[in-house]
Amino acid sequence: MSTATKTRATVAATRPAALSLHIGLNAVNPVHYQGWSGELAACEADAEDMQAIAKARGMKPTVLLTAQATRATVLTALRKAARTLKKGDFFFLSFSGHGGQVADVTGEEIDRKDETWCLWDSQLIDDELYLELSKFATGVRILVLSDSCHSGTVTRDAVPAPAQPGGPRPRMMPPAIARRTYRTHQAFYDGLQHAVVAEAGKAGVVDPDAALAQVAVDSSRLTAVVGSFGPAVILISGCQDNQTSMDGDFNGAFTGRLLQVWNNGGFTGNYTQFRHLIVAGLPPTQTPNLFVLGSAASFLKQRPFTI
């Protein structure tokens, strides 16, 4: 083997691995959601556009669209990535769809509600998501982009204004539907929360909501190491706790603005600057938020999507 060939092989062997998972739901299964199908227009397109960025940046993507995005397939993909990636590797997770809420039965939420992602056949609770992320190896960098009404930090009791005919729809499960869905499947959702608490306790993992409650946008606490949480996580969500993420004809408002700022790879700033420019192009009714978990100081300084 020539010296040049050996050098190329060494570089390839030492280059961080990168996987991505892109979830986009233009509807949910009304069987689980009490007759509500929650039609949206642009979530699948959002997932496909995030996949395009992932491919362009050298990641190996997985895409789950609408009926493919079940609890089982999402959790399987997350756990496979957690088993595969090691220190220094990169994982990009994006979600586009409805956000919802279920009653908090484990006592960590001030407003007694846990936020969720509305998957095809049931909701994924925020505690579950962050427990799954905690299973990644120490030193793995994880970027989460959530174009939904989702946050795991503080209360979000505001009810979105009704969608105007022909106008964009908020990506939030209507509160009445959320209550009915929880009431019908209460044992299921309560059981999930208790299971998360039990597993986190055995593993010595910091409670995800307690961790997020310590974080404020663009504060010095963004770079704090949170408990025994090993990976470095950056979450940019579509809106503040008391706002809603809006759907669109071609992309969600958050994703569309993100694509403008990214500019097919023309953006060269860091994650904090990236979020600031996204915010600058959206109306005051929708202000994307930034959170971190783990030791993310150096991660925040990187150019977005850098492997």
C-alpha atoms as a PDB file:
ATOM      1  CA  MET A   1       0.000   0.000   0.000  1.00  0.00           C
ATOM      2  CA  SER A   2       1.396   3.392  -1.018  1.00  0.00           C
ATOM      3  CA  THR A   3       1.993   6.187   1.506  1.00  0.00           C
ATOM      4  CA  ALA A   4      -0.824   8.248  -0.028  1.00  0.00           C
ATOM      5  CA  THR A   5      -3.233   5.325   0.232  1.00  0.00           C
ATOM      6  CA  LYS A   6      -2.245   4.737   3.858  1.00  0.00           C
ATOM      7  CA  THR A   7      -2.774   8.412   4.630  1.00  0.00           C
ATOM      8  CA  ARG A   8      -6.253   8.405   3.079  1.00  0.00           C
ATOM      9  CA  ALA A   9      -7.154   5.266   5.020  1.00  0.00           C
ATOM     10  CA  THR A  10      -5.941   6.819   8.278  1.00  0.00           C
ATOM     11  CA  VAL A  11      -7.946   9.990   7.677  1.00  0.00           C
ATOM     12  CA  ALA A  12     -11.076   7.959   6.870  1.00  0.00           C
ATOM     13  CA  ALA A  13     -10.607   5.839   9.984  1.00  0.00           C
ATOM     14  CA  THR A  14     -10.226   8.832  12.295  1.00  0.00           C
ATOM     15  CA  ARG A  15     -12.986  11.003  10.812  1.00  0.00           C
ATOM     16  CA  PRO A  16     -16.015  11.212  13.136  1.00  0.00           C
ATOM     17  CA  ALA A  17     -19.039   9.180  12.137  1.00  0.00           C
ATOM     18  CA  ALA A  18     -22.328  10.998  11.564  1.00  0.00           C
ATOM     19  CA  LEU A  19     -25.906   9.720  11.514  1.00  0.00           C
ATOM     20  CA  SER A  20     -29.190  11.598  11.277  1.00  0.00           C
ATOM     21  CA  LEU A  21     -32.893  10.924  11.827  1.00  0.00           C
ATOM     22  CA  HIS A  22     -35.583  13.108  10.244  1.00  0.00           C
ATOM     23  CA  ILE A  23     -39.213  12.788  11.320  1.00  0.00           C
ATOM     24  CA  GLY A  24     -42.025  14.566   9.476  1.00  0.00           C
ATOM     25  CA  LEU A  25     -45.746  13.990   9.996  1.00  0.00           C
ATOM     26  CA  ASN A  26     -48.388  15.619   7.817  1.00  0.00           C
ATOM     27  CA  ALA A  27     -51.038  13.767   9.832  1.00  0.00           C
ATOM     28  CA  VAL A  28     -51.485  11.413  12.782  1.00  0.00           C
ATOM     29  CA  ASN A  29     -53.577   8.268  13.179  1.00  0.00           C
ATOM     30  CA  PRO A  30     -57.081   9.325  14.300  1.00  0.00           C
ATOM     31  CA  VAL A  31     -57.581   5.924  15.924  1.00  0.00           C
ATOM     32  CA  HIS A  32     -55.248   6.926  18.753  1.00  0.00           C
ATOM     33  CA  TYR A  33     -56.045  10.649  18.761  1.00  0.00           C
ATOM     34  CA  GLN A  34     -59.793  10.413  19.324  1.00  0.00           C
ATOM     35  CA  GLY A  35     -60.792  11.007  15.702  1.00  0.00           C
ATOM     36  CA  TRP A  36     -58.333  13.885  15.169  1.00  0.00           C
ATOM     37  CA  SER A  37     -55.925  13.449  12.258  1.00  0.00           C
ATOM     38  CA  GLY A  38     -54.177  16.820  12.582  1.00  0.00           C
ATOM     39  CA  GLU A  39     -53.513  17.439   8.887  1.00  0.00           C
ATOM     40  CA  LEU A  40     -50.562  19.683   8.112  1.00  0.00           C
ATOM     41  CA  ALA A  41     -49.029  20.612   4.769  1.00  0.00           C
ATOM     42  CA  ALA A  42     -45.264  20.969   5.049  1.00  0.00           C
ATOM     43  CA  CYS A  43     -43.878  18.571   7.661  1.00  0.00           C
ATOM     44  CA  GLU A  44     -42.793  15.858   5.250  1.00  0.00           C
ATOM     45  CA  ALA A  45     -41.081  18.506   3.120  1.00  0.00           C
ATOM     46  CA  ASP A  46     -39.296  19.791   6.238  1.00  0.00           C
ATOM     47  CA  ALA A  47     -37.953  16.304   6.963  1.00  0.00           C
ATOM     48  CA  GLU A  48     -36.800  15.852   3.382  1.00  0.00           C
ATOM     49  CA  ASP A  49     -35.042  19.229   3.397  1.00  0.00           C
ATOM     50  CA  MET A  50     -33.244  18.328   6.629  1.00  0.00           C
ATOM     51  CA  GLN A  51     -32.237  15.034   5.019  1.00  0.00           C
ATOM     52  CA  ALA A  52     -30.761  16.987   2.102  1.00  0.00           C
ATOM     53  CA  ILE A  53     -28.610  19.040   4.482  1.00  0.00           C
ATOM     54  CA  ALA A  54     -27.505  15.869   6.266  1.00  0.00           C
ATOM     55  CA  LYS A  55     -26.471  14.208   3.006  1.00  0.00           C
ATOM     56  CA  ALA A  56     -24.638  17.309   1.819  1.00  0.00           C
ATOM     57  CA  ARG A  57     -22.688  17.406   5.082  1.00  0.00           C
ATOM     58  CA  GLY A  58     -21.677  13.743   4.845  1.00  0.00           C
ATOM     59  CA  MET A  59     -24.145  12.136   7.255  1.00  0.00           C
ATOM     60  CA  LYS A  60     -26.009   8.865   6.804  1.00  0.00           C
ATOM     61  CA  PRO A  61     -29.703   9.832   7.140  1.00  0.00           C
ATOM     62  CA  THR A  62     -32.871   7.966   8.028  1.00  0.00           C
ATOM     63  CA  VAL A  63     -36.241   9.535   7.157  1.00  0.00           C
ATOM     64  CA  LEU A  64     -39.593   8.622   8.725  1.00  0.00           C
ATOM     65  CA  LEU A  65     -42.640  10.226   7.118  1.00  0.00           C
ATOM     66  CA  THR A  66     -46.172  10.302   8.597  1.00  0.00           C
ATOM     67  CA  ALA A  67     -47.365   6.679   9.003  1.00  0.00           C
ATOM     68  CA  GLN A  68     -43.741   5.476   9.138  1.00  0.00           C
ATOM     69  CA  ALA A  69     -43.086   7.649  12.200  1.00  0.00           C
ATOM     70  CA  THR A  70     -44.432   5.327  14.875  1.00  0.00           C
ATOM     71  CA  ARG A  71     -43.157   5.084  18.442  1.00  0.00           C
ATOM     72  CA  ALA A  72     -41.470   1.803  17.594  1.00  0.00           C
ATOM     73  CA  THR A  73     -39.628   3.024  14.503  1.00  0.00           C
ATOM     74  CA  VAL A  74     -38.505   6.290  16.127  1.00  0.00           C
ATOM     75  CA  LEU A  75     -37.241   4.586  19.289  1.00  0.00           C
ATOM     76  CA  THR A  76     -35.556   1.855  17.256  1.00  0.00           C
ATOM     77  CA  ALA A  77     -33.704   4.459  15.163  1.00  0.00           C
ATOM     78  CA  LEU A  78     -32.640   6.454  18.237  1.00  0.00           C
ATOM     79  CA  ARG A  79     -31.358   3.365  20.041  1.00  0.00           C
ATOM     80  CA  LYS A  80     -29.482   2.113  16.982  1.00  0.00           C
ATOM     81  CA  ALA A  81     -27.717   5.469  16.683  1.00  0.00           C
ATOM     82  CA  ALA A  82     -26.888   5.434  20.404  1.00  0.00           C
ATOM     83  CA  ARG A  83     -25.307   1.986  20.074  1.00  0.00           C
ATOM     84  CA  THR A  84     -23.345   2.976  16.966  1.00  0.00           C
ATOM     85  CA  LEU A  85     -21.880   6.380  17.750  1.00  0.00           C
ATOM     86  CA  LYS A  86     -18.910   7.025  20.015  1.00  0.00           C
ATOM     87  CA  LYS A  87     -17.030   9.989  21.471  1.00  0.00           C
ATOM     88  CA  GLY A  88     -16.508  12.716  18.885  1.00  0.00           C
ATOM     89  CA  ASP A  89     -19.262  11.459  16.550  1.00  0.00           C
ATOM     90  CA  PHE A  90     -22.304  13.469  15.454  1.00  0.00           C
ATOM     91  CA  PHE A  91     -26.058  12.810  15.529  1.00  0.00           C
ATOM     92  CA  PHE A  92     -28.627  15.127  13.917  1.00  0.00           C
ATOM     93  CA  LEU A  93     -32.280  14.673  14.916  1.00  0.00           C
ATOM     94  CA  SER A  94     -35.089  16.717  13.405  1.00  0.00           C
ATOM     95  CA  PHE A  95     -38.822  16.638  14.061  1.00  0.00           C
ATOM     96  CA  SER A  96     -41.590  18.418  12.174  1.00  0.00           C
ATOM     97  CA  GLY A  97     -45.176  17.925  13.256  1.00  0.00           C
ATOM     98  CA  HIS A  98     -47.603  18.591  16.072  1.00  0.00           C
ATOM     99  CA  GLY A  99     -46.578  19.088  19.664  1.00  0.00           C
ATOM    100  CA  GLY A 100     -48.880  18.045  22.483  1.00  0.00           C
ATOM    101  CA  GLN A 101     -49.129  17.590  26.231  1.00  0.00           C
ATOM    102  CA  VAL A 102     -49.994  14.873  28.715  1.00  0.00           C
ATOM    103  CA  ALA A 103     -50.504  15.171  32.472  1.00  0.00           C
ATOM    104  CA  ASP A 104     -47.279  14.984  34.467  1.00  0.00           C
ATOM    105  CA  VAL A 105     -47.674  12.189  37.030  1.00  0.00           C
ATOM    106  CA  THR A 106     -44.084  12.106  38.278  1.00  0.00           C
ATOM    107  CA  GLY A 107     -44.091  15.590  39.787  1.00  0.00           C
ATOM    108  CA  GLU A 108     -41.234  17.400  38.030  1.00  0.00           C
ATOM    109  CA  GLU A 109     -43.272  19.852  35.919  1.00  0.00           C
ATOM    110  CA  ILE A 110     -44.408  23.112  37.518  1.00  0.00           C
ATOM    111  CA  ASP A 111     -47.517  23.230  35.336  1.00  0.00           C
ATOM    112  CA  ARG A 112     -48.192  19.499  35.868  1.00  0.00           C
ATOM    113  CA  LYS A 113     -47.888  18.828  32.140  1.00  0.00           C
ATOM    114  CA  ASP A 114     -45.271  17.039  30.058  1.00  0.00           C
ATOM    115  CA  GLU A 115     -44.693  18.176  26.488  1.00  0.00           C
ATOM    116  CA  THR A 116     -44.738  15.678  23.635  1.00  0.00           C
ATOM    117  CA  TRP A 117     -44.053  15.048  19.989  1.00  0.00           C
ATOM    118  CA  CYS A 118     -47.172  13.656  18.274  1.00  0.00           C
ATOM    119  CA  LEU A 119     -46.001  10.560  16.431  1.00  0.00           C
ATOM    120  CA  TRP A 120     -48.261   8.540  14.131  1.00  0.00           C
ATOM    121  CA  ASP A 121     -49.642   6.090  16.662  1.00  0.00           C
ATOM    122  CA  SER A 122     -48.995   7.854  20.002  1.00  0.00           C
ATOM    123  CA  GLN A 123     -47.052  10.649  21.639  1.00  0.00           C
ATOM    124  CA  LEU A 124     -43.374  10.620  22.603  1.00  0.00           C
ATOM    125  CA  ILE A 125     -43.016  12.370  25.972  1.00  0.00           C
ATOM    126  CA  ASP A 126     -40.156  14.848  26.438  1.00  0.00           C
ATOM    127  CA  ASP A 127     -38.811  12.829  29.375  1.00  0.00           C
ATOM    128  CA  GLU A 128     -38.589   9.786  27.122  1.00  0.00           C
ATOM    129  CA  LEU A 129     -36.715  11.727  24.448  1.00  0.00           C
ATOM    130  CA  TYR A 130     -34.100  13.066  26.826  1.00  0.00           C
ATOM    131  CA  LEU A 131     -33.660   9.690  28.485  1.00  0.00           C
ATOM    132  CA  GLU A 132     -32.993   8.201  25.032  1.00  0.00           C
ATOM    133  CA  LEU A 133     -30.457  10.956  24.323  1.00  0.00           C
ATOM    134  CA  SER A 134     -28.736  10.238  27.641  1.00  0.00           C
ATOM    135  CA  LYS A 135     -27.925   6.752  26.331  1.00  0.00           C
ATOM    136  CA  PHE A 136     -25.500   8.159  23.759  1.00  0.00           C
ATOM    137  CA  ALA A 137     -21.830   7.859  24.628  1.00  0.00           C
ATOM    138  CA  THR A 138     -20.001  10.638  26.425  1.00  0.00           C
ATOM    139  CA  GLY A 139     -18.661  13.114  23.902  1.00  0.00           C
ATOM    140  CA  VAL A 140     -21.190  12.461  21.130  1.00  0.00           C
ATOM    141  CA  ARG A 141     -22.511  15.740  19.722  1.00  0.00           C
ATOM    142  CA  ILE A 142     -26.297  15.780  19.196  1.00  0.00           C
ATOM    143  CA  LEU A 143     -28.198  18.495  17.332  1.00  0.00           C
ATOM    144  CA  VAL A 144     -31.992  18.500  17.746  1.00  0.00           C
ATOM    145  CA  LEU A 145     -34.196  20.750  15.586  1.00  0.00           C
ATOM    146  CA  SER A 146     -37.878  20.698  16.546  1.00  0.00           C
ATOM    147  CA  ASP A 147     -40.348  22.518  14.287  1.00  0.00           C
ATOM    148  CA  SER A 148     -43.328  22.002  16.564  1.00  0.00           C
ATOM    149  CA  CYS A 149     -44.982  23.438  19.628  1.00  0.00           C
ATOM    150  CA  HIS A 150     -42.643  21.545  21.932  1.00  0.00           C
ATOM    151  CA  SER A 151     -40.604  22.522  24.955  1.00  0.00           C
ATOM    152  CA  GLY A 152     -39.563  20.772  28.124  1.00  0.00           C
ATOM    153  CA  THR A 153     -38.596  23.744  30.214  1.00  0.00           C
ATOM    154  CA  VAL A 154     -41.474  25.705  31.742  1.00  0.00           C
ATOM    155  CA  THR A 155     -45.221  26.101  31.513  1.00  0.00           C
ATOM    156  CA  ARG A 156     -46.937  26.496  28.168  1.00  0.00           C
ATOM    157  CA  ASP A 157     -50.594  27.138  28.816  1.00  0.00           C
ATOM    158  CA  ALA A 158     -51.300  29.550  25.983  1.00  0.00           C
ATOM    159  CA  VAL A 159     -53.938  28.361  23.507  1.00  0.00           C
ATOM    160  CA  PRO A 160     -53.202  29.231  19.859  1.00  0.00           C
ATOM    161  CA  ALA A 161     -55.584  31.404  17.936  1.00  0.00           C
ATOM    162  CA  PRO A 162     -57.827  29.444  15.566  1.00  0.00           C
ATOM    163  CA  ALA A 163     -56.368  28.966  12.122  1.00  0.00           C
ATOM    164  CA  GLN A 164     -57.833  31.255   9.488  1.00  0.00           C
ATOM    165  CA  PRO A 165     -59.337  29.634   6.388  1.00  0.00           C
ATOM    166  CA  GLY A 166     -56.576  29.199   3.857  1.00  0.00           C
ATOM    167  CA  GLY A 167     -53.957  30.377   6.353  1.00  0.00           C
ATOM    168  CA  PRO A 168     -51.184  28.512   8.166  1.00  0.00           C
ATOM    169  CA  ARG A 169     -52.082  26.128  10.956  1.00  0.00           C
ATOM    170  CA  PRO A 170     -50.377  26.015  14.344  1.00  0.00           C
ATOM    171  CA  ARG A 171     -48.414  22.834  14.948  1.00  0.00           C
ATOM    172  CA  MET A 172     -50.077  22.181  18.276  1.00  0.00           C
ATOM    173  CA  MET A 173     -52.547  19.475  19.151  1.00  0.00           C
ATOM    174  CA  PRO A 174     -55.775  21.228  20.247  1.00  0.00           C
ATOM    175  CA  PRO A 175     -56.058  21.165  24.062  1.00  0.00           C
ATOM    176  CA  ALA A 176     -59.449  19.424  23.937  1.00  0.00           C
ATOM    177  CA  ILE A 177     -57.993  16.633  21.793  1.00  0.00           C
ATOM    178  CA  ALA A 178     -54.977  16.402  24.102  1.00  0.00           C
ATOM    179  CA  ARG A 179     -57.248  15.957  27.124  1.00  0.00           C
ATOM    180  CA  ARG A 180     -59.389  13.314  25.437  1.00  0.00           C
ATOM    181  CA  THR A 181     -56.397  11.414  24.116  1.00  0.00           C
ATOM    182  CA  TYR A 182     -54.763  11.374  27.542  1.00  0.00           C
ATOM    183  CA  ARG A 183     -57.991  10.374  29.270  1.00  0.00           C
ATOM    184  CA  THR A 184     -58.506   7.429  26.912  1.00  0.00           C
ATOM    185  CA  HIS A 185     -54.889   6.245  27.145  1.00  0.00           C
ATOM    186  CA  GLN A 186     -54.074   7.413  30.681  1.00  0.00           C
ATOM    187  CA  ALA A 187     -52.651   4.107  31.883  1.00  0.00           C
ATOM    188  CA  PHE A 188     -50.336   3.985  28.857  1.00  0.00           C
ATOM    189  CA  TYR A 189     -48.944   7.517  29.270  1.00  0.00           C
ATOM    190  CA  ASP A 190     -48.703   7.322  33.072  1.00  0.00           C
ATOM    191  CA  GLY A 191     -46.862   4.032  32.722  1.00  0.00           C
ATOM    192  CA  LEU A 192     -44.360   5.561  30.289  1.00  0.00           C
ATOM    193  CA  GLN A 193     -43.534   8.346  32.742  1.00  0.00           C
ATOM    194  CA  HIS A 194     -43.057   5.978  35.669  1.00  0.00           C
ATOM    195  CA  ALA A 195     -40.854   3.751  33.500  1.00  0.00           C
ATOM    196  CA  VAL A 196     -38.645   6.718  32.587  1.00  0.00           C
ATOM    197  CA  VAL A 197     -38.216   7.652  36.248  1.00  0.00           C
ATOM    198  CA  ALA A 198     -37.328   4.072  37.164  1.00  0.00           C
ATOM    199  CA  GLU A 199     -34.813   3.663  34.341  1.00  0.00           C
ATOM    200  CA  ALA A 200     -33.199   7.055  34.927  1.00  0.00           C
ATOM    201  CA  GLY A 201     -32.819   6.245  38.617  1.00  0.00           C
ATOM    202  CA  LYS A 202     -31.094   2.937  37.921  1.00  0.00           C
ATOM    203  CA  ALA A 203     -28.747   4.553  35.409  1.00  0.00           C
ATOM    204  CA  GLY A 204     -27.957   7.587  37.550  1.00  0.00           C
ATOM    205  CA  VAL A 205     -29.167   9.900  34.788  1.00  0.00           C
ATOM    206  CA  VAL A 206     -30.118  13.456  35.691  1.00  0.00           C
ATOM    207  CA  ASP A 207     -33.839  14.173  35.389  1.00  0.00           C
ATOM    208  CA  PRO A 208     -34.285  15.828  31.970  1.00  0.00           C
ATOM    209  CA  ASP A 209     -36.742  18.473  33.110  1.00  0.00           C
ATOM    210  CA  ALA A 210     -34.574  19.436  36.065  1.00  0.00           C
ATOM    211  CA  ALA A 211     -31.660  19.777  33.669  1.00  0.00           C
ATOM    212  CA  LEU A 212     -33.558  21.939  31.198  1.00  0.00           C
ATOM    213  CA  ALA A 213     -34.887  24.134  33.990  1.00  0.00           C
ATOM    214  CA  GLN A 214     -31.298  25.204  34.701  1.00  0.00           C
ATOM    215  CA  VAL A 215     -30.772  26.532  31.196  1.00  0.00           C
ATOM    216  CA  ALA A 216     -31.549  30.018  29.889  1.00  0.00           C
ATOM    217  CA  VAL A 217     -31.159  31.282  26.330  1.00  0.00           C
ATOM    218  CA  ASP A 218     -27.683  32.663  25.590  1.00  0.00           C
ATOM    219  CA  SER A 219     -26.689  32.684  29.275  1.00  0.00           C
ATOM    220  CA  SER A 220     -23.446  31.439  30.750  1.00  0.00           C
ATOM    221  CA  ARG A 221     -25.380  28.415  31.981  1.00  0.00           C
ATOM    222  CA  LEU A 222     -25.652  27.158  28.416  1.00  0.00           C
ATOM    223  CA  THR A 223     -22.194  25.639  28.790  1.00  0.00           C
ATOM    224  CA  ALA A 224     -22.726  24.018  32.200  1.00  0.00           C
ATOM    225  CA  VAL A 225     -22.220  20.305  32.574  1.00  0.00           C
ATOM    226  CA  VAL A 226     -25.555  18.817  33.601  1.00  0.00           C
ATOM    227  CA  GLY A 227     -25.349  15.902  36.017  1.00  0.00           C
ATOM    228  CA  SER A 228     -24.109  12.651  34.495  1.00  0.00           C
ATOM    229  CA  PHE A 229     -25.434  13.504  31.036  1.00  0.00           C
ATOM    230  CA  GLY A 230     -22.615  12.349  28.759  1.00  0.00           C
ATOM    231  CA  PRO A 231     -23.372  13.621  25.241  1.00  0.00           C
ATOM    232  CA  ALA A 232     -23.396  17.304  24.296  1.00  0.00           C
ATOM    233  CA  VAL A 233     -26.885  18.290  23.079  1.00  0.00           C
ATOM    234  CA  ILE A 234     -28.001  21.452  21.315  1.00  0.00           C
ATOM    235  CA  LEU A 235     -31.766  21.861  20.923  1.00  0.00           C
ATOM    236  CA  ILE A 236     -33.187  24.642  18.762  1.00  0.00           C
ATOM    237  CA  SER A 237     -36.973  24.570  19.000  1.00  0.00           C
ATOM    238  CA  GLY A 238     -39.446  26.334  16.751  1.00  0.00           C
ATOM    239  CA  CYS A 239     -40.896  28.729  19.327  1.00  0.00           C
ATOM    240  CA  GLN A 240     -41.043  29.883  22.945  1.00  0.00           C
ATOM    241  CA  ASP A 241     -43.109  28.102  25.576  1.00  0.00           C
ATOM    242  CA  ASN A 242     -46.101  30.436  25.193  1.00  0.00           C
ATOM    243  CA  GLN A 243     -46.062  30.483  21.385  1.00  0.00           C
ATOM    244  CA  THR A 244     -46.886  28.147  18.524  1.00  0.00           C
ATOM    245  CA  SER A 245     -44.862  26.992  15.531  1.00  0.00           C
ATOM    246  CA  MET A 246     -46.732  27.659  12.307  1.00  0.00           C
ATOM    247  CA  ASP A 247     -47.149  25.389   9.318  1.00  0.00           C
ATOM    248  CA  GLY A 248     -46.767  26.660   5.750  1.00  0.00           C
ATOM    249  CA  ASP A 249     -47.362  25.655   2.150  1.00  0.00           C
ATOM    250  CA  PHE A 250     -43.808  24.478   1.445  1.00  0.00           C
ATOM    251  CA  ASN A 251     -42.042  24.489   4.825  1.00  0.00           C
ATOM    252  CA  GLY A 252     -42.895  25.271   8.400  1.00  0.00           C
ATOM    253  CA  ALA A 253     -42.115  28.889   9.332  1.00  0.00           C
ATOM    254  CA  PHE A 254     -39.143  27.841  11.473  1.00  0.00           C
ATOM    255  CA  THR A 255     -37.701  25.381   8.955  1.00  0.00           C
ATOM    256  CA  GLY A 256     -38.215  27.769   6.050  1.00  0.00           C
ATOM    257  CA  ARG A 257     -36.333  30.533   7.826  1.00  0.00           C
ATOM    258  CA  LEU A 258     -33.597  28.100   8.905  1.00  0.00           C
ATOM    259  CA  LEU A 259     -33.078  27.087   5.277  1.00  0.00           C
ATOM    260  CA  GLN A 260     -32.804  30.750   4.284  1.00  0.00           C
ATOM    261  CA  VAL A 261     -30.152  31.389   6.918  1.00  0.00           C
ATOM    262  CA  TRP A 262     -28.255  28.208   6.088  1.00  0.00           C
ATOM    263  CA  ASN A 263     -28.257  29.344   2.444  1.00  0.00           C
ATOM    264  CA  ASN A 264     -27.206  25.992   0.955  1.00  0.00           C
ATOM    265  CA  GLY A 265     -24.146  25.967   3.169  1.00  0.00           C
ATOM    266  CA  GLY A 266     -23.280  29.630   2.781  1.00  0.00           C
ATOM    267  CA  PHE A 267     -23.692  30.338   6.505  1.00  0.00           C
ATOM    268  CA  THR A 268     -20.342  30.271   8.320  1.00  0.00           C
ATOM    269  CA  GLY A 269     -21.202  31.386  11.878  1.00  0.00           C
ATOM    270  CA  ASN A 270     -21.759  29.311  15.015  1.00  0.00           C
ATOM    271  CA  TYR A 271     -24.918  27.830  16.552  1.00  0.00           C
ATOM    272  CA  THR A 272     -25.764  30.863  18.678  1.00  0.00           C
ATOM    273  CA  GLN A 273     -25.437  33.178  15.661  1.00  0.00           C
ATOM    274  CA  PHE A 274     -27.462  30.708  13.610  1.00  0.00           C
ATOM    275  CA  ARG A 275     -30.356  30.878  16.081  1.00  0.00           C
ATOM    276  CA  HIS A 276     -30.153  34.697  16.270  1.00  0.00           C
ATOM    277  CA  LEU A 277     -30.490  35.064  12.498  1.00  0.00           C
ATOM    278  CA  ILE A 278     -33.385  32.599  12.383  1.00  0.00           C
ATOM    279  CA  VAL A 279     -35.172  34.635  15.070  1.00  0.00           C
ATOM    280  CA  ALA A 280     -34.542  37.873  13.176  1.00  0.00           C
ATOM    281  CA  GLY A 281     -36.527  36.646  10.177  1.00  0.00           C
ATOM    282  CA  LEU A 282     -39.607  35.446  12.042  1.00  0.00           C
ATOM    283  CA  PRO A 283     -42.540  37.449  13.449  1.00  0.00           C
ATOM    284  CA  PRO A 284     -42.563  38.302  17.184  1.00  0.00           C
ATOM    285  CA  THR A 285     -45.284  35.687  17.645  1.00  0.00           C
ATOM    286  CA  GLN A 286     -42.757  32.911  16.948  1.00  0.00           C
ATOM    287  CA  THR A 287     -39.306  33.113  18.534  1.00  0.00           C
ATOM    288  CA  PRO A 288     -37.148  29.977  18.288  1.00  0.00           C
ATOM    289  CA  ASN A 289     -35.399  28.953  21.480  1.00  0.00           C
ATOM    290  CA  LEU A 290     -31.974  27.489  22.211  1.00  0.00           C
ATOM    291  CA  PHE A 291     -31.092  24.982  24.949  1.00  0.00           C
ATOM    292  CA  VAL A 292     -28.176  22.717  25.712  1.00  0.00           C
ATOM    293  CA  LEU A 293     -27.591  19.613  27.786  1.00  0.00           C
ATOM    294  CA  GLY A 294     -24.192  18.324  28.748  1.00  0.00           C
ATOM    295  CA  SER A 295     -20.816  19.941  28.160  1.00  0.00           C
ATOM    296  CA  ALA A 296     -21.572  21.873  24.992  1.00  0.00           C
ATOM    297  CA  ALA A 297     -19.243  24.886  25.130  1.00  0.00           C
ATOM    298  CA  SER A 298     -17.081  23.857  22.189  1.00  0.00           C
ATOM    299  CA  PHE A 299     -20.078  22.420  20.322  1.00  0.00           C
ATOM    300  CA  LEU A 300     -21.875  25.793  20.413  1.00  0.00           C
ATOM    301  CA  LYS A 301     -18.864  27.459  18.787  1.00  0.00           C
ATOM    302  CA  GLN A 302     -18.927  25.167  15.770  1.00  0.00           C
ATOM    303  CA  ARG A 303     -20.517  25.874  12.432  1.00  0.00           C
ATOM    304  CA  PRO A 304     -23.933  24.181  12.263  1.00  0.00           C
ATOM    305  CA  PHE A 305     -23.972  20.608  10.908  1.00  0.00           C
ATOM    306  CA  THR A 306     -20.189  20.246  11.212  1.00  0.00           C
ATOM    307  CA  ILE A 307     -19.123  16.632  11.588  1.00  0.00           C
END
